[in-house]
Amino acid sequence: MELVMNGPSTSPYNDIKEKVLEWFRSVPKFQRNIPNLQNELRTVILPAAIENHTLNVEVDDSGVIYFDGHEREDVMTYRKERSQRIMEYQRYAETYGYEDVSVAIPPALPDNIRLISLYRIEISILKNDREHAENEYETKPTEWTNFTRSDVVYCPVDPKKSKTLPPVLIEVQYTVNGAFFRHLNEYCLMIRKQYPMLPVAVVFCIHNTSQEFKDLTYECREKEFSKRVYCQGWAQDIYYISAETFSPYLNQQPLHPLNALGHFLTAQKLYILDIEKKDDETIKMLYEIAARVFRDEAADEEARQNAIDTICSKSTLQLNRAMSFLLEDVPEPNAQKRTRDCLQDGLN
């Protein structure tokens, strides 16, 4: 059932707002999510409002509920324009988790644009048609109606191209096993429910892979540093990349961008000088991106460390002064012992 509400913020709508707020206050935090709120609206709040004649509604033969002026031409025109603006700005807005709506997830800021561009390049490489796909994708929400959440999903910026450019799913997984394979299947099917094409997926394994998952892979001739995963019927292609698959091909000059990204993710090196292929251009770009993304966190950590160093320095100074006063004011060594030992423990 589709719900559309327009019109002034009059008393009936305030009543519904109060009912929604009551619902938020009455349910545990882990149940405060969008699907549960939708269910409460559809099954309890709105039916009660309609039954009590709180709302002026019409229901057509298809089950669509129209609220106060929905059919007016000026309302429909404004709603279309406003919806387009909302979708345009959504990428810059905060989002909220299903489990705790009080926790805001910050948007991807301009510093991340090059990282997104890198993924777009990989999308074009996957399609073997760089000019056709590069810069045609944007990120999409990754929370699904079955309460699962994938890592990164890219879809065409232009909806008209959604039938020629497939969605792309990126998954970075510490351990890849049979359970993850089943989650991957769910993610791809959820993407297919929302978009007209089966997705292409790229899976990066950081640590280890179970034999169960390895048995579901086979050689990839065009991208020999990866393996394909059997996915007939629920994905167009799935590329699996791990240290085991790309290590034999690290001598390529330059590294294929997907190979370089896999090397960067699995090496887990804090400094570029510590990574094997530090001279590769893609590796350099990835470290530049990481430096910008984590610059603020690093600055906060440095400030905390400086504060701790200052506290320790001042504490050491005060303990040394206390020790000197003790030796001056209490000349008897036996009388000094307990206090001196305590101060010395603090200095050590």
Protein backbone atom coordinates (compact mmCIF):
# COMPACT_ATOMS: atom_id res chain seq x y z
CA MET A 1 0.00 0.00 0.00
CA GLU A 2 1.46 3.35 -1.08
CA LEU A 3 1.10 6.31 1.33
CA VAL A 4 1.28 9.91 0.13
CA MET A 5 0.68 12.91 2.46
CA ASN A 6 0.43 16.57 1.49
CA GLY A 7 -1.29 19.60 2.93
CA PRO A 8 -0.95 21.87 5.96
CA SER A 9 0.36 20.81 9.34
CA THR A 10 -3.04 20.85 11.05
CA SER A 11 -4.25 19.07 14.15
CA PRO A 12 -4.85 15.63 12.53
CA TYR A 13 -1.26 15.46 11.39
CA ASN A 14 -0.03 16.57 14.80
CA ASP A 15 -2.02 13.70 16.31
CA ILE A 16 -0.22 11.25 14.03
CA LYS A 17 3.10 12.85 14.95
CA GLU A 18 2.32 12.35 18.64
CA LYS A 19 1.43 8.70 18.03
CA VAL A 20 4.75 8.18 16.23
CA LEU A 21 6.64 9.81 19.12
CA GLU A 22 4.76 7.61 21.61
CA TRP A 23 5.80 4.56 19.61
CA PHE A 24 9.47 5.65 19.70
CA ARG A 25 9.32 6.10 23.46
CA SER A 26 7.60 2.78 24.09
CA VAL A 27 9.78 0.35 22.10
CA PRO A 28 13.34 -0.76 22.95
CA LYS A 29 16.17 0.94 21.08
CA PHE A 30 17.05 -2.13 19.03
CA GLN A 31 13.50 -2.19 17.60
CA ARG A 32 13.52 1.48 16.55
CA ASN A 33 14.09 1.13 12.84
CA ILE A 34 12.41 2.19 9.61
CA PRO A 35 10.71 -1.14 8.74
CA ASN A 36 9.15 -1.39 12.21
CA LEU A 37 7.96 2.22 12.05
CA GLN A 38 6.45 1.60 8.61
CA ASN A 39 4.67 -1.45 9.97
CA GLU A 40 3.31 0.54 12.95
CA LEU A 41 2.05 3.28 10.63
CA ARG A 42 0.40 0.86 8.23
CA THR A 43 -1.19 -1.47 10.76
CA VAL A 44 -1.97 0.71 13.80
CA ILE A 45 -1.58 4.49 13.56
CA LEU A 46 -3.05 5.29 10.12
CA PRO A 47 -5.94 2.76 10.27
CA ALA A 48 -6.94 4.20 13.67
CA ALA A 49 -6.81 7.75 12.29
CA ILE A 50 -8.93 6.79 9.31
CA GLU A 51 -11.45 4.88 11.44
CA ASN A 52 -11.82 7.87 13.80
CA HIS A 53 -12.27 10.21 10.81
CA THR A 54 -9.15 12.07 11.89
CA LEU A 55 -7.91 12.11 8.29
CA ASN A 56 -9.70 13.08 5.11
CA VAL A 57 -8.66 10.28 2.74
CA GLU A 58 -9.67 8.58 -0.46
CA VAL A 59 -8.73 5.06 -1.50
CA ASP A 60 -8.67 4.09 -5.17
CA ASP A 61 -9.18 0.62 -6.63
CA SER A 62 -5.45 -0.15 -6.49
CA GLY A 63 -5.29 0.51 -2.75
CA VAL A 64 -3.44 3.85 -2.98
CA ILE A 65 -4.39 6.24 -0.16
CA TYR A 66 -4.67 9.92 -1.16
CA PHE A 67 -4.36 12.58 1.54
CA ASP A 68 -5.72 16.16 1.31
CA GLY A 69 -4.92 17.65 -2.07
CA HIS A 70 -2.62 14.93 -3.36
CA GLU A 71 -4.28 15.01 -6.76
CA ARG A 72 -3.87 18.76 -7.27
CA GLU A 73 -1.68 19.58 -10.26
CA ASP A 74 0.42 22.21 -8.44
CA VAL A 75 1.07 19.78 -5.55
CA MET A 76 2.14 17.03 -7.95
CA THR A 77 4.50 19.40 -9.82
CA TYR A 78 6.06 20.69 -6.60
CA ARG A 79 6.44 17.18 -5.19
CA LYS A 80 8.31 16.03 -8.30
CA GLU A 81 10.72 19.00 -8.18
CA ARG A 82 11.27 18.64 -4.45
CA SER A 83 11.89 14.89 -4.71
CA GLN A 84 14.56 15.46 -7.34
CA ARG A 85 16.30 18.00 -5.10
CA ILE A 86 16.14 15.65 -2.11
CA MET A 87 17.69 12.80 -4.10
CA GLU A 88 20.42 15.15 -5.37
CA TYR A 89 21.37 16.32 -1.87
CA GLN A 90 20.90 12.98 -0.13
CA ARG A 91 24.50 11.94 -0.76
CA TYR A 92 25.64 14.87 1.41
CA ALA A 93 23.23 14.18 4.29
CA GLU A 94 23.67 12.14 7.45
CA THR A 95 22.07 8.70 7.60
CA TYR A 96 20.96 6.70 10.60
CA GLY A 97 21.38 3.06 11.56
CA TYR A 98 18.47 0.68 12.00
CA GLU A 99 19.61 -0.41 15.45
CA ASP A 100 19.98 3.05 17.00
CA VAL A 101 18.40 6.04 15.25
CA SER A 102 20.18 8.41 17.64
CA VAL A 103 23.55 7.58 16.04
CA ALA A 104 24.24 9.68 12.94
CA ILE A 105 26.45 8.27 10.21
CA PRO A 106 28.34 11.16 8.53
CA PRO A 107 28.17 11.55 4.75
CA ALA A 108 31.04 11.00 2.36
CA LEU A 109 32.82 14.34 2.22
CA PRO A 110 34.75 15.81 -0.72
CA ASP A 111 37.99 14.23 0.57
CA ASN A 112 36.52 10.87 -0.42
CA ILE A 113 35.77 11.84 -3.99
CA ARG A 114 38.99 10.35 -5.36
CA LEU A 115 38.26 7.07 -3.63
CA ILE A 116 34.83 6.99 -5.22
CA SER A 117 36.45 7.81 -8.54
CA LEU A 118 38.81 4.88 -8.11
CA TYR A 119 35.88 2.54 -7.62
CA ARG A 120 34.24 4.04 -10.70
CA ILE A 121 37.38 3.27 -12.69
CA GLU A 122 37.19 -0.32 -11.45
CA ILE A 123 33.57 -0.49 -12.50
CA SER A 124 34.57 0.53 -16.00
CA ILE A 125 37.35 -2.08 -16.00
CA LEU A 126 34.93 -4.77 -14.92
CA LYS A 127 32.71 -3.85 -17.86
CA ASN A 128 35.71 -3.91 -20.26
CA ASP A 129 34.38 -0.61 -21.60
CA ARG A 130 36.15 2.20 -19.77
CA GLU A 131 34.71 5.11 -21.76
CA HIS A 132 31.22 3.67 -21.45
CA ALA A 133 31.11 3.34 -17.65
CA GLU A 134 33.67 5.68 -16.06
CA ASN A 135 32.10 8.44 -13.93
CA GLU A 136 28.63 7.01 -14.54
CA TYR A 137 28.15 5.64 -11.01
CA GLU A 138 27.29 6.94 -7.56
CA THR A 139 26.93 5.33 -4.13
CA LYS A 140 23.55 4.08 -2.94
CA PRO A 141 22.16 3.09 0.50
CA THR A 142 23.24 -0.37 1.63
CA GLU A 143 20.61 -1.20 4.27
CA TRP A 144 18.15 -3.82 3.08
CA THR A 145 14.61 -4.75 4.08
CA ASN A 146 15.78 -8.09 5.52
CA PHE A 147 17.79 -6.12 8.16
CA THR A 148 21.17 -6.87 6.54
CA ARG A 149 23.72 -4.28 5.44
CA SER A 150 26.35 -4.61 2.74
CA ASP A 151 29.53 -2.54 2.41
CA VAL A 152 29.35 -0.41 -0.74
CA VAL A 153 26.85 -0.36 -3.61
CA TYR A 154 27.26 1.69 -6.80
CA CYS A 155 24.49 2.30 -9.33
CA PRO A 156 24.25 4.45 -12.46
CA VAL A 157 23.78 8.17 -11.82
CA ASP A 158 21.35 8.33 -14.74
CA PRO A 159 18.36 6.02 -14.09
CA LYS A 160 17.94 5.63 -17.86
CA LYS A 161 21.22 3.71 -17.94
CA SER A 162 20.17 1.25 -15.23
CA LYS A 163 19.27 -1.29 -17.92
CA THR A 164 22.70 -1.17 -19.55
CA LEU A 165 25.05 -0.57 -16.58
CA PRO A 166 24.73 -3.12 -13.75
CA PRO A 167 24.83 -2.27 -10.04
CA VAL A 168 28.23 -2.96 -8.48
CA LEU A 169 28.63 -4.41 -4.99
CA ILE A 170 31.96 -4.04 -3.12
CA GLU A 171 32.57 -6.28 -0.09
CA VAL A 172 35.69 -6.18 2.12
CA GLN A 173 35.66 -9.26 4.36
CA TYR A 174 38.11 -10.38 7.04
CA THR A 175 37.15 -14.06 6.72
CA VAL A 176 35.46 -15.44 3.62
CA ASN A 177 33.53 -18.67 4.20
CA GLY A 178 30.26 -20.41 3.45
CA ALA A 179 28.29 -18.13 5.75
CA PHE A 180 29.60 -15.07 3.92
CA PHE A 181 28.74 -16.70 0.58
CA ARG A 182 25.12 -16.97 1.71
CA HIS A 183 25.14 -13.33 2.85
CA LEU A 184 26.57 -12.36 -0.54
CA ASN A 185 23.70 -14.18 -2.21
CA GLU A 186 21.21 -12.22 -0.09
CA TYR A 187 22.86 -8.88 -0.87
CA CYS A 188 22.76 -9.53 -4.62
CA LEU A 189 19.12 -10.61 -4.54
CA MET A 190 18.19 -7.53 -2.50
CA ILE A 191 19.94 -5.33 -5.09
CA ARG A 192 18.06 -7.12 -7.88
CA LYS A 193 14.74 -6.35 -6.17
CA GLN A 194 15.48 -2.62 -6.43
CA TYR A 195 17.27 -2.41 -9.78
CA PRO A 196 16.52 -3.94 -13.18
CA MET A 197 19.83 -5.80 -13.61
CA LEU A 198 21.73 -8.42 -11.64
CA PRO A 199 24.80 -6.89 -9.94
CA VAL A 200 28.51 -7.38 -10.44
CA ALA A 201 30.30 -7.99 -7.11
CA VAL A 202 33.94 -7.63 -6.05
CA VAL A 203 34.98 -9.39 -2.82
CA PHE A 204 38.26 -8.54 -1.08
CA CYS A 205 39.40 -11.08 1.50
CA ILE A 206 41.68 -9.59 4.17
CA HIS A 207 42.66 -12.66 6.18
CA ASN A 208 41.66 -16.21 5.34
CA THR A 209 39.28 -18.16 3.13
CA SER A 210 37.58 -21.43 3.99
CA GLN A 211 37.82 -24.44 1.72
CA GLU A 212 34.04 -24.37 1.39
CA PHE A 213 34.25 -20.99 -0.33
CA LYS A 214 37.32 -21.91 -2.41
CA ASP A 215 35.37 -24.84 -3.84
CA LEU A 216 32.87 -22.30 -5.21
CA THR A 217 35.53 -20.38 -7.20
CA TYR A 218 37.19 -20.95 -10.57
CA GLU A 219 39.91 -19.33 -12.68
CA CYS A 220 39.38 -15.89 -14.20
CA ARG A 221 41.27 -15.61 -17.47
CA GLU A 222 40.82 -11.90 -18.17
CA LYS A 223 41.70 -10.87 -14.58
CA GLU A 224 44.17 -13.54 -13.58
CA PHE A 225 44.91 -11.93 -10.20
CA SER A 226 41.34 -12.78 -9.14
CA LYS A 227 38.98 -15.72 -9.22
CA ARG A 228 35.37 -15.94 -10.27
CA VAL A 229 32.62 -17.23 -7.99
CA TYR A 230 29.75 -19.41 -9.17
CA CYS A 231 26.69 -17.15 -9.09
CA GLN A 232 24.37 -18.18 -11.90
CA GLY A 233 20.90 -16.71 -11.45
CA TRP A 234 21.69 -14.17 -8.73
CA ALA A 235 24.65 -12.09 -10.00
CA GLN A 236 26.22 -11.28 -13.35
CA ASP A 237 29.75 -11.84 -12.07
CA ILE A 238 31.57 -12.08 -8.75
CA TYR A 239 35.31 -11.45 -8.54
CA TYR A 240 37.13 -12.78 -5.48
CA ILE A 241 40.50 -11.16 -4.64
CA SER A 242 42.86 -12.18 -1.83
CA ALA A 243 46.61 -12.29 -1.14
CA GLU A 244 46.58 -15.86 -2.40
CA THR A 245 45.12 -14.85 -5.77
CA PHE A 246 47.07 -11.65 -6.49
CA SER A 247 50.51 -12.34 -4.94
CA PRO A 248 51.87 -14.15 -8.04
CA TYR A 249 51.06 -11.04 -10.12
CA LEU A 250 52.60 -8.29 -7.96
CA ASN A 251 55.52 -8.01 -10.39
CA GLN A 252 53.28 -6.51 -13.08
CA GLN A 253 54.17 -2.91 -14.00
CA PRO A 254 51.99 -1.05 -13.31
CA LEU A 255 49.68 -3.02 -11.08
CA HIS A 256 46.14 -3.48 -12.30
CA PRO A 257 44.07 -1.07 -10.11
CA LEU A 258 42.02 -3.92 -8.64
CA ASN A 259 45.22 -5.81 -7.89
CA ALA A 260 46.69 -2.70 -6.23
CA LEU A 261 43.51 -2.16 -4.19
CA GLY A 262 43.60 -5.77 -3.00
CA HIS A 263 47.29 -5.42 -2.08
CA PHE A 264 46.56 -2.19 -0.16
CA LEU A 265 43.64 -3.70 1.78
CA THR A 266 45.31 -6.98 2.70
CA ALA A 267 48.78 -5.63 3.52
CA GLN A 268 47.36 -3.58 6.42
CA LYS A 269 50.47 -1.38 6.51
CA LEU A 270 50.25 1.92 8.36
CA TYR A 271 53.03 3.59 6.34
CA ILE A 272 53.55 3.48 2.58
CA LEU A 273 57.27 2.72 3.05
CA ASP A 274 56.31 -0.60 4.67
CA ILE A 275 54.22 -1.90 1.76
CA GLU A 276 55.87 -4.00 -0.94
CA LYS A 277 54.65 -2.07 -4.00
CA LYS A 278 55.15 1.43 -2.59
CA ASP A 279 56.19 2.87 -5.99
CA ASP A 280 52.96 1.91 -7.75
CA GLU A 281 50.84 4.94 -8.71
CA THR A 282 47.56 3.42 -7.49
CA ILE A 283 49.13 2.50 -4.14
CA LYS A 284 50.41 6.09 -3.78
CA MET A 285 46.94 7.44 -4.51
CA LEU A 286 45.35 5.12 -1.94
CA TYR A 287 47.73 6.26 0.78
CA GLU A 288 47.06 9.90 -0.13
CA ILE A 289 43.33 9.26 0.24
CA ALA A 290 43.82 7.46 3.55
CA ALA A 291 45.97 10.31 4.87
CA ARG A 292 43.24 12.84 4.12
CA VAL A 293 40.40 10.70 5.44
CA PHE A 294 42.14 9.99 8.75
CA ARG A 295 43.90 13.34 9.17
CA ASP A 296 41.41 14.61 11.75
CA GLU A 297 41.52 11.37 13.73
CA ALA A 298 45.31 11.47 13.72
CA ALA A 299 45.27 15.09 14.90
CA ASP A 300 42.90 14.19 17.74
CA GLU A 301 45.13 11.28 18.76
CA GLU A 302 48.20 13.53 18.69
CA ALA A 303 46.40 16.12 20.85
CA ARG A 304 45.46 13.42 23.37
CA GLN A 305 49.04 12.15 23.45
CA ASN A 306 50.37 15.68 23.98
CA ALA A 307 47.93 16.18 26.86
CA ILE A 308 49.05 12.90 28.46
CA ASP A 309 52.72 13.89 28.05
CA THR A 310 52.03 17.25 29.71
CA ILE A 311 50.25 15.61 32.64
CA CYS A 312 53.09 13.12 33.10
CA SER A 313 55.74 15.86 32.96
CA LYS A 314 53.95 17.99 35.52
CA SER A 315 53.36 14.98 37.77
CA THR A 316 57.05 14.03 37.62
CA LEU A 317 58.04 17.59 38.49
CA GLN A 318 55.69 17.68 41.47
CA LEU A 319 56.89 14.29 42.77
CA ASN A 320 60.53 15.39 42.54
CA ARG A 321 59.73 18.56 44.45
CA ALA A 322 57.90 16.54 47.11
CA MET A 323 60.90 14.21 47.41
CA SER A 324 63.29 17.15 47.90
CA PHE A 325 61.01 18.74 50.51
CA LEU A 326 60.81 15.42 52.33
CA LEU A 327 64.60 15.12 52.52
CA GLU A 328 64.90 18.71 53.79
CA ASP A 329 62.08 18.63 56.34
CA VAL A 330 62.52 15.07 57.68
CA PRO A 331 66.22 14.44 58.27
CA GLU A 332 65.66 11.06 60.00
CA PRO A 333 65.98 8.32 57.30
CA ASN A 334 63.65 5.88 59.14
CA ALA A 335 60.92 8.51 59.26
CA GLN A 336 61.34 9.19 55.54
CA LYS A 337 61.15 5.60 54.37
CA ARG A 338 57.42 5.02 53.75
CA THR A 339 56.82 8.42 52.16
CA ARG A 340 60.01 8.20 50.11
CA ASP A 341 59.10 4.74 48.80
CA CYS A 342 55.64 5.97 47.83
CA LEU A 343 57.02 8.94 45.93
CA GLN A 344 59.63 6.78 44.24
CA ASP A 345 56.92 4.39 43.01
CA GLY A 346 55.19 7.35 41.40
CA LEU A 347 58.39 8.45 39.68
CA ASN A 348 59.06 4.94 38.37
